[in-house]
Protein backbone atom coordinates (compact mmCIF):
# COMPACT_ATOMS: atom_id res chain seq x y z
CA MET A 1 124.88 77.15 98.06
CA SER A 2 124.72 77.63 102.63
CA LYS A 3 121.41 78.44 103.29
CA ILE A 4 120.29 82.02 103.49
CA GLN A 5 117.56 82.12 106.58
CA ILE A 6 114.13 84.01 105.73
CA PRO A 7 111.63 84.26 108.66
CA GLU A 8 108.69 82.01 108.43
CA ALA A 9 106.20 85.62 108.06
CA PHE A 10 107.99 86.23 104.45
CA GLU A 11 108.83 82.40 103.17
CA ARG A 12 105.33 83.17 100.55
CA LEU A 13 107.96 85.77 98.90
CA LEU A 14 109.48 82.73 97.34
CA LYS A 15 106.18 81.79 95.72
CA PRO A 16 104.99 83.19 92.67
CA LYS A 17 102.56 86.26 92.66
CA ARG A 18 102.23 89.90 90.65
CA TYR A 19 102.08 92.34 93.37
CA LYS A 20 103.72 90.90 96.95
CA VAL A 21 103.41 93.91 99.29
CA LEU A 22 104.97 94.21 102.95
CA TYR A 23 104.24 96.86 104.91
CA GLY A 24 104.41 97.72 109.00
CA GLY A 25 106.34 99.40 111.51
CA ARG A 26 109.92 99.00 112.78
CA GLY A 27 112.00 95.86 113.54
CA GLY A 28 109.86 93.95 111.28
CA ALA A 29 112.84 92.71 109.14
CA LYS A 30 111.01 93.94 105.87
CA SER A 31 113.61 95.04 103.70
CA GLU A 32 116.26 92.54 105.07
CA SER A 33 114.41 89.47 104.29
CA ILE A 34 112.96 91.28 100.92
CA CYS A 35 116.49 91.48 99.89
CA ARG A 36 117.43 87.82 101.52
CA ALA A 37 114.31 86.59 99.10
CA LEU A 38 115.55 88.36 96.18
CA LEU A 39 119.09 87.28 96.10
CA ILE A 40 117.41 83.78 96.45
CA ILE A 41 115.63 84.23 93.55
CA GLY A 42 118.74 85.39 91.46
CA ALA A 43 120.93 83.00 92.75
CA SER A 44 118.03 80.11 91.31
CA LYS A 45 117.65 81.60 87.77
CA LYS A 46 118.71 84.26 85.81
CA THR A 47 116.64 87.64 86.63
CA ARG A 48 116.46 90.94 86.27
CA ILE A 49 115.63 92.99 88.95
CA LEU A 50 114.88 96.69 89.50
CA CYS A 51 114.97 98.31 92.90
CA ALA A 52 112.79 100.96 92.43
CA ARG A 53 112.30 104.15 94.80
CA GLU A 54 110.51 107.53 94.60
CA LEU A 55 114.38 109.30 94.95
CA GLN A 56 117.52 108.43 94.75
CA GLY A 57 119.92 111.08 94.50
CA SER A 58 123.38 108.77 94.70
CA ILE A 59 123.74 104.88 94.98
CA HIS A 60 123.51 105.54 98.63
CA ASP A 61 120.15 106.69 98.78
CA SER A 62 119.31 103.05 97.34
CA VAL A 63 119.14 99.58 99.20
CA HIS A 64 122.23 98.60 97.42
CA LYS A 65 124.15 98.62 100.86
CA LEU A 66 121.44 96.34 102.66
CA LEU A 67 122.06 93.69 99.48
CA SER A 68 125.65 94.36 100.03
CA ASP A 69 125.78 93.63 103.07
CA VAL A 70 123.81 90.14 103.00
CA ILE A 71 125.67 89.74 100.11
CA SER A 72 129.08 89.62 102.56
CA SER A 73 127.92 87.95 105.29
CA ASN A 74 126.84 84.65 103.25
CA PRO A 75 130.47 83.21 102.11
CA ALA A 76 128.36 81.10 98.90
CA LEU A 77 126.76 84.58 98.38
CA ASN A 78 129.66 86.64 98.02
CA ASP A 79 131.58 84.21 95.46
CA PHE A 80 128.22 84.17 93.71
CA TYR A 81 127.73 87.94 92.66
CA GLU A 82 130.04 90.65 91.98
CA VAL A 83 128.97 94.05 93.84
CA GLN A 84 129.64 96.89 91.31
CA LYS A 85 129.33 100.25 92.01
CA THR A 86 125.61 101.04 90.75
CA ALA A 87 124.81 97.55 90.05
CA ILE A 88 124.90 93.85 91.58
CA MET A 89 125.55 90.64 89.16
CA GLY A 90 125.55 87.24 88.97
CA LYS A 91 127.27 84.62 87.58
CA ASN A 92 124.49 83.35 86.11
CA GLY A 93 123.52 86.64 84.37
CA THR A 94 121.49 88.00 87.24
CA GLU A 95 121.34 91.56 87.53
CA PHE A 96 120.88 94.32 90.25
CA LEU A 97 119.67 97.77 88.72
CA PHE A 98 119.05 101.12 91.12
CA LYS A 99 116.69 103.88 89.82
CA GLY A 100 115.00 106.90 90.98
CA LEU A 101 111.77 107.26 89.66
CA LYS A 102 110.74 110.57 90.14
CA HIS A 103 113.28 112.48 87.79
CA ASN A 104 114.36 109.35 85.85
CA ILE A 105 111.08 108.47 84.77
CA THR A 106 111.21 108.44 80.69
CA GLU A 107 114.69 105.99 81.30
CA VAL A 108 112.53 103.98 83.70
CA LYS A 109 109.51 103.58 81.27
CA SER A 110 112.19 102.46 78.74
CA MET A 111 113.33 99.90 80.94
CA ALA A 112 112.41 96.17 79.27
CA GLY A 113 112.54 92.59 80.79
CA VAL A 114 112.26 93.49 84.70
CA ASP A 115 111.70 90.18 86.03
CA ILE A 116 110.76 91.78 89.73
CA CYS A 117 110.25 95.29 90.95
CA PHE A 118 111.08 96.32 94.27
CA VAL A 119 110.01 99.59 95.61
CA GLU A 120 111.36 100.03 98.79
CA GLU A 121 110.50 103.31 100.91
CA ALA A 122 107.31 102.95 98.86
CA GLU A 123 104.85 104.78 101.26
CA LYS A 124 106.61 108.34 99.78
CA VAL A 125 105.73 107.08 95.76
CA SER A 126 103.32 109.13 94.19
CA ASP A 127 99.88 108.10 92.61
CA GLN A 128 102.30 109.58 88.76
CA SER A 129 105.24 107.28 89.33
CA TRP A 130 103.18 104.14 90.12
CA GLU A 131 100.83 105.25 86.85
CA VAL A 132 104.10 104.75 84.93
CA LEU A 133 106.47 102.32 86.73
CA ILE A 134 102.83 99.02 86.75
CA PRO A 135 102.26 99.12 83.12
CA THR A 136 106.54 99.27 82.58
CA ILE A 137 106.87 96.00 84.67
CA ARG A 138 105.12 94.06 81.86
CA LYS A 139 107.05 91.17 81.54
CA GLU A 140 105.43 88.20 81.39
CA HIS A 141 105.16 86.47 84.87
CA SER A 142 107.25 89.56 86.43
CA GLU A 143 106.06 91.04 90.07
CA ILE A 144 105.98 94.10 91.64
CA TRP A 145 107.50 93.65 95.44
CA VAL A 146 106.78 96.80 97.45
CA GLY A 147 107.93 97.39 101.46
CA PHE A 148 107.19 100.58 103.25
CA ASN A 149 106.11 101.99 106.74
CA PRO A 150 103.04 103.88 106.52
CA LYS A 151 102.83 107.15 107.13
CA ASN A 152 99.15 109.13 106.09
CA LEU A 153 96.01 107.28 105.30
CA THR A 154 95.46 109.44 102.31
CA ASP A 155 99.01 108.22 100.92
CA PRO A 156 98.68 106.43 97.36
CA THR A 157 100.63 103.56 98.45
CA TYR A 158 98.69 102.88 101.17
CA GLN A 159 95.44 103.10 99.57
CA ARG A 160 96.45 101.79 96.47
CA PHE A 161 97.76 98.44 97.99
CA VAL A 162 96.62 98.48 101.65
CA VAL A 163 92.69 99.78 100.89
CA ASN A 164 92.10 98.67 97.44
CA SER A 165 93.73 95.37 97.38
CA THR A 166 93.26 92.58 95.02
CA ASP A 167 92.75 89.22 94.53
CA ASP A 168 96.40 89.53 92.48
CA MET A 169 98.35 90.76 95.65
CA TRP A 170 99.75 88.95 98.49
CA VAL A 171 99.58 92.31 101.10
CA LYS A 172 101.00 91.06 104.78
CA LYS A 173 101.07 93.48 107.52
CA VAL A 174 104.01 92.38 109.30
CA SER A 175 106.23 93.84 112.78
CA TRP A 176 108.32 93.61 115.58
CA ARG A 177 106.51 89.90 116.47
CA ASP A 178 107.51 88.39 113.02
CA ASN A 179 111.23 88.87 113.12
CA PRO A 180 112.25 86.07 115.22
CA PHE A 181 115.86 88.26 114.99
CA PHE A 182 114.42 91.08 117.16
CA PRO A 183 117.44 92.48 119.44
CA ASP A 184 116.84 92.95 122.98
CA VAL A 185 117.89 96.45 122.60
CA LEU A 186 115.17 97.50 120.33
CA ASN A 187 112.67 95.87 122.45
CA LYS A 188 113.28 98.15 125.35
CA GLU A 189 112.77 101.15 122.92
CA ARG A 190 109.31 99.81 122.28
CA LEU A 191 108.24 99.19 125.04
CA ALA A 192 109.21 102.52 126.58
CA LEU A 193 107.76 104.56 123.70
CA LYS A 194 104.28 101.95 124.64
CA GLU A 195 104.81 103.74 127.95
CA GLN A 196 105.21 107.50 126.58
CA ASP A 197 103.38 108.31 123.55
CA VAL A 198 100.80 105.23 122.70
CA ASP A 199 99.96 107.16 119.20
CA ALA A 200 103.57 107.21 118.42
CA TYR A 201 104.33 103.18 119.51
CA ASN A 202 101.40 102.35 117.08
CA HIS A 203 102.33 104.12 114.72
CA ILE A 204 106.16 103.32 114.87
CA TRP A 205 106.39 99.50 116.13
CA GLU A 206 102.65 98.71 115.07
CA GLY A 207 103.09 100.05 111.78
CA GLU A 208 99.72 102.02 111.63
CA PRO A 209 99.47 105.40 109.50
CA ASP A 210 100.52 108.26 111.15
CA LEU A 211 97.00 109.64 113.06
CA ARG A 212 99.24 112.55 115.05
CA ARG A 213 99.69 114.93 112.81
CA ASN A 214 97.75 114.11 109.77
CA GLY A 215 94.78 115.77 111.48
CA ALA A 216 92.04 112.80 110.68
CA ILE A 217 89.22 112.91 112.15
CA TYR A 218 87.81 109.21 111.44
CA GLY A 219 91.59 108.05 110.68
CA LYS A 220 91.53 106.03 114.02
CA GLN A 221 87.95 104.99 113.86
CA ILE A 222 88.56 103.19 110.25
CA LEU A 223 91.45 101.84 111.32
CA LYS A 224 89.58 100.11 113.33
CA ALA A 225 86.74 98.85 111.11
CA ARG A 226 89.76 97.79 109.05
CA GLU A 227 91.47 95.72 111.35
CA ASP A 228 88.72 94.10 112.86
CA ASP A 229 87.16 93.11 109.21
CA ARG A 230 84.15 95.29 109.79
CA VAL A 231 85.13 97.14 106.23
CA THR A 232 84.18 93.65 104.12
CA CYS A 233 81.09 92.50 102.01
CA VAL A 234 78.06 93.17 103.41
CA PRO A 235 74.89 92.17 102.57
CA TYR A 236 71.65 93.16 102.37
CA ASP A 237 69.07 91.83 104.33
CA PRO A 238 65.74 92.36 102.86
CA GLY A 239 63.87 91.90 105.71
CA THR A 240 64.95 94.68 107.42
CA GLU A 241 64.84 98.51 106.67
CA VAL A 242 67.50 100.51 105.21
CA PHE A 243 67.61 104.66 105.63
CA THR A 244 69.70 107.21 104.22
CA ALA A 245 71.21 110.35 105.14
CA TRP A 246 72.06 112.92 102.55
CA ASP A 247 74.22 116.03 102.09
CA LEU A 248 72.82 118.12 99.67
CA GLY A 249 75.02 120.87 97.26
CA TYR A 250 74.53 121.63 93.61
CA GLY A 251 77.87 123.65 92.64
CA ASP A 252 79.04 121.26 95.47
CA ALA A 253 78.80 117.61 95.64
CA THR A 254 75.46 115.56 96.65
CA SER A 255 76.16 112.47 98.69
CA ILE A 256 74.10 109.84 100.19
CA TRP A 257 74.71 106.93 102.39
CA TRP A 258 72.18 103.63 102.74
CA LEU A 259 72.54 102.20 106.14
CA GLN A 260 70.34 99.44 108.08
CA TYR A 261 70.16 97.91 111.30
CA VAL A 262 70.35 94.53 111.53
CA GLY A 263 69.97 93.32 115.40
CA ARG A 264 72.69 95.93 117.07
CA GLU A 265 74.84 95.98 113.87
CA LEU A 266 74.59 98.72 111.73
CA ARG A 267 75.82 98.09 107.96
CA TRP A 268 76.79 100.96 105.77
CA ILE A 269 75.32 99.14 102.67
CA ASP A 270 75.93 101.53 99.66
CA TYR A 271 77.39 105.21 98.66
CA TYR A 272 76.71 107.63 95.87
CA GLU A 273 78.05 111.04 95.37
CA ASN A 274 77.75 113.24 92.04
CA CYS A 275 77.98 117.16 91.19
CA GLY A 276 75.31 119.31 88.93
CA GLU A 277 72.34 117.00 88.84
CA GLN A 278 69.30 118.14 90.14
CA LEU A 279 67.14 116.24 92.70
CA ASP A 280 65.27 113.68 89.88
CA HIS A 281 68.44 112.18 89.27
CA TYR A 282 68.90 111.48 93.34
CA VAL A 283 65.87 110.13 93.10
CA GLN A 284 65.60 107.86 90.20
CA LEU A 285 68.67 106.85 91.64
CA VAL A 286 67.42 105.88 95.24
CA LYS A 287 64.30 104.31 94.02
CA SER A 288 66.44 101.99 91.14
CA LYS A 289 67.84 100.61 94.19
CA PRO A 290 66.33 97.18 95.81
CA TYR A 291 65.64 98.39 98.64
CA ASN A 292 62.70 98.37 101.53
CA TYR A 293 62.90 102.05 102.73
CA SER A 294 62.09 104.07 105.94
CA THR A 295 63.12 106.97 106.48
CA HIS A 296 65.62 109.51 103.80
CA TYR A 297 66.93 111.61 106.69
CA LEU A 298 68.07 115.67 105.27
CA PRO A 299 70.21 118.48 106.59
CA HIS A 300 67.97 121.03 108.54
CA ASP A 301 68.57 123.65 105.56
CA ALA A 302 66.49 121.38 103.74
CA ASP A 303 62.82 122.45 104.67
CA HIS A 304 63.72 125.64 103.19
CA GLY A 305 62.62 126.88 99.74
CA ASN A 306 64.88 129.49 97.45
CA ILE A 307 64.54 131.47 94.50
CA ARG A 308 64.28 128.37 92.50
CA GLY A 309 61.11 127.16 94.25
CA GLU A 310 59.67 124.75 96.76
CA SER A 311 62.38 123.56 99.52
CA VAL A 312 64.26 120.24 98.75
CA SER A 313 62.80 118.51 101.35
CA ILE A 314 58.78 118.94 99.83
CA GLN A 315 60.83 118.32 96.41
CA LEU A 316 61.43 114.97 97.26
CA ALA A 317 58.39 114.42 99.45
CA GLN A 318 56.54 115.20 96.09
CA MET A 319 58.67 112.93 93.85
CA GLY A 320 57.66 109.78 96.62
CA LEU A 321 60.41 110.00 98.68
CA ASN A 322 58.94 110.12 102.70
CA ASN A 323 61.65 112.67 104.20
CA GLN A 324 63.15 113.79 107.68
CA VAL A 325 65.18 117.49 108.12
CA LEU A 326 67.56 116.97 110.70
CA GLU A 327 67.86 119.68 113.48
CA ARG A 328 70.31 122.50 112.33
CA GLU A 329 73.44 121.21 114.17
CA ASN A 330 75.53 124.06 116.22
CA ASP A 331 77.92 122.14 118.03
CA LEU A 332 79.75 120.54 115.03
CA THR A 333 82.33 118.89 117.55
CA ALA A 334 79.38 117.01 119.52
CA GLY A 335 78.20 115.30 115.75
CA ILE A 336 81.91 114.37 114.94
CA GLU A 337 82.14 112.05 118.59
CA LEU A 338 78.67 110.59 117.77
CA THR A 339 80.15 109.92 114.83
CA ARG A 340 82.97 108.38 116.15
CA GLN A 341 81.28 106.07 118.37
CA THR A 342 78.87 105.36 115.71
CA LEU A 343 81.11 103.81 113.40
CA ALA A 344 82.93 101.65 116.36
CA PHE A 345 80.12 99.45 116.05
CA SER A 346 79.05 99.80 112.09
CA VAL A 347 80.43 97.60 109.11
CA PHE A 348 81.15 98.59 105.47
CA ASP A 349 80.64 97.20 101.98
CA ARG A 350 84.12 97.89 100.80
CA ASP A 351 83.05 97.74 97.71
CA ALA A 352 79.65 99.86 97.64
CA CYS A 353 80.67 101.88 100.19
CA GLY A 354 84.75 102.60 98.71
CA ALA A 355 83.92 106.21 97.69
CA GLY A 356 82.61 107.13 101.25
CA ILE A 357 85.29 105.44 103.45
CA LYS A 358 87.69 107.27 101.45
CA ALA A 359 86.17 110.38 101.89
CA LEU A 360 85.94 108.90 105.98
CA GLU A 361 90.35 108.63 105.86
CA ALA A 362 90.60 111.63 104.76
CA TYR A 363 88.55 114.12 106.01
CA SER A 364 90.75 116.48 108.42
CA TYR A 365 90.98 119.68 110.11
CA LYS A 366 92.10 122.57 109.01
CA TRP A 367 96.05 122.98 109.47
CA ASN A 368 96.83 126.38 110.85
CA GLU A 369 100.45 127.23 109.64
CA ASP A 370 100.76 130.36 111.93
CA ARG A 371 100.31 127.83 114.85
CA MET A 372 101.68 125.26 113.65
CA SER A 373 98.81 123.32 114.55
CA PHE A 374 95.39 122.06 113.58
CA SER A 375 92.42 124.62 114.10
CA LYS A 376 89.11 122.87 115.33
CA THR A 377 87.54 123.69 111.90
CA PRO A 378 87.85 120.50 109.77
CA LEU A 379 89.06 121.38 105.82
CA HIS A 380 86.19 121.52 103.47
CA ASP A 381 87.53 119.73 100.63
CA TRP A 382 86.27 116.93 97.98
CA SER A 383 86.04 114.54 101.61
CA SER A 384 83.49 117.04 103.32
CA ASN A 385 80.49 115.90 101.29
CA GLY A 386 80.91 112.26 102.32
CA ALA A 387 81.82 112.85 106.19
CA ASP A 388 79.15 115.37 106.68
CA ALA A 389 76.96 113.00 104.99
CA ALA A 390 77.93 109.89 107.66
CA ARG A 391 77.46 112.46 110.49
CA TYR A 392 73.94 113.21 109.55
CA ALA A 393 73.43 109.47 109.00
CA ALA A 394 75.01 109.19 113.12
CA ARG A 395 71.99 111.40 114.35
CA ALA A 396 69.95 109.47 111.91
CA ALA A 397 71.19 106.05 113.50
CA ALA A 398 70.51 106.85 116.91
CA MET A 399 67.17 107.66 115.81
CA THR A 400 66.56 104.24 114.33
CA LYS A 401 67.55 101.87 116.51
CA GLY A 402 64.68 100.00 117.05
CA GLY A 403 63.78 101.59 120.01
CA ARG A 404 66.29 101.28 122.15
CA ILE A 405 67.56 104.66 122.09
CA LYS A 406 66.55 107.87 121.87
CA THR A 407 63.46 107.99 118.86
CA GLU A 408 64.36 111.40 117.71
CA ASP A 409 67.19 113.65 116.47
CA PRO A 410 69.88 113.56 119.89
CA PHE A 411 70.56 117.98 118.21
CA LYS A 412 66.67 118.89 118.46
CA GLN A 413 67.18 122.19 119.22
CA ASN A 414 65.85 125.92 118.27
CA HIS A 415 67.30 126.85 115.48
CA THR A 416 67.42 129.84 112.56
CA ASN A 417 66.18 129.32 109.67
CA VAL A 418 68.68 130.06 106.67
CA GLY A 419 68.77 128.88 102.68
CA TRP A 420 69.71 125.52 102.01
CA MET A 421 72.45 126.58 99.80
CA GLY A 422 73.30 128.88 101.45
CA SER A 423 74.67 127.64 105.00
């Protein structure tokens, strides 16, 4: 059989791994390289290959056409494979099958003996589909290949395979740079868009999640932290004090970040969130950590009593936590900007802070249907508590930089007292 070329960036597709994940922007040759690798494997041994996508109205929606084109362009492949209307068969018994996940989930669950499942356009695949598909591909040494162009930071596929990648995954971001056959006509388009719209360019050509329309408030900052390897394993330094920042709730969740400065580096070393617990639960948790504490920073409404008794600040002090109540924040925009600046020199422990990082990535502005635009008000949802606590953490960080900058709350101002549960 004549040699089939695969760009160097994709050669690991031919080596065993449970998950092989390729994501990125246009022009990276992801889909064609995956098809070439699948055809090589299928020609070398009998292989059952399922090509899946979230929605497949007909065979024309699948990767069937791309596989057929690769086969027809190579005489040896053309002789080996028989391209049928809804399948592709090899002389050695290899077969390519094509299924949509969402409307054929029962049929997919009943499929047995799949060696490789290639999920194309995987940015559209739901959590429900993944939860059904993954245990279905259970043959010994079976593999799941994933190819996609990222859309939103919070999409299930991006979260599952990029944000929360594990040791049994080969995850690679590819771009036009990895394609030795990248045509000049596309390069001219790429350069033109880079001049016209940097955000659109980063999404379309560099394969970054689309931050233009999802209203992400801290999306760019967390994405940059990941690219700079600042979301990693972050050790606790016992020689440096730890401070915490809280967002308080009862019917809503209470969130706590743990941080410390090591030199000029701000480390976010831990995160916790829970709902419906009394204060003593959080106090016990904080005390159980092996950290050398300085101050626990609370939102402005923590120093006001309510019908249940003393203020949160007083209660925490009575239970042994040295705390400071932040001034009321009348300018939310300024608080968000301070947080963005703080995130630029922060590092996060990817495991201990995983839930908090997800909250920061998902925190977004409200969408106004009438105006078809995002408002200046953040959406209040599950991500708000962690994001609010992070904003308080940024203010606390500005107060605890070892005396190098302000030592008082940058938002200090006169404010009107309100009940801590009602603001």
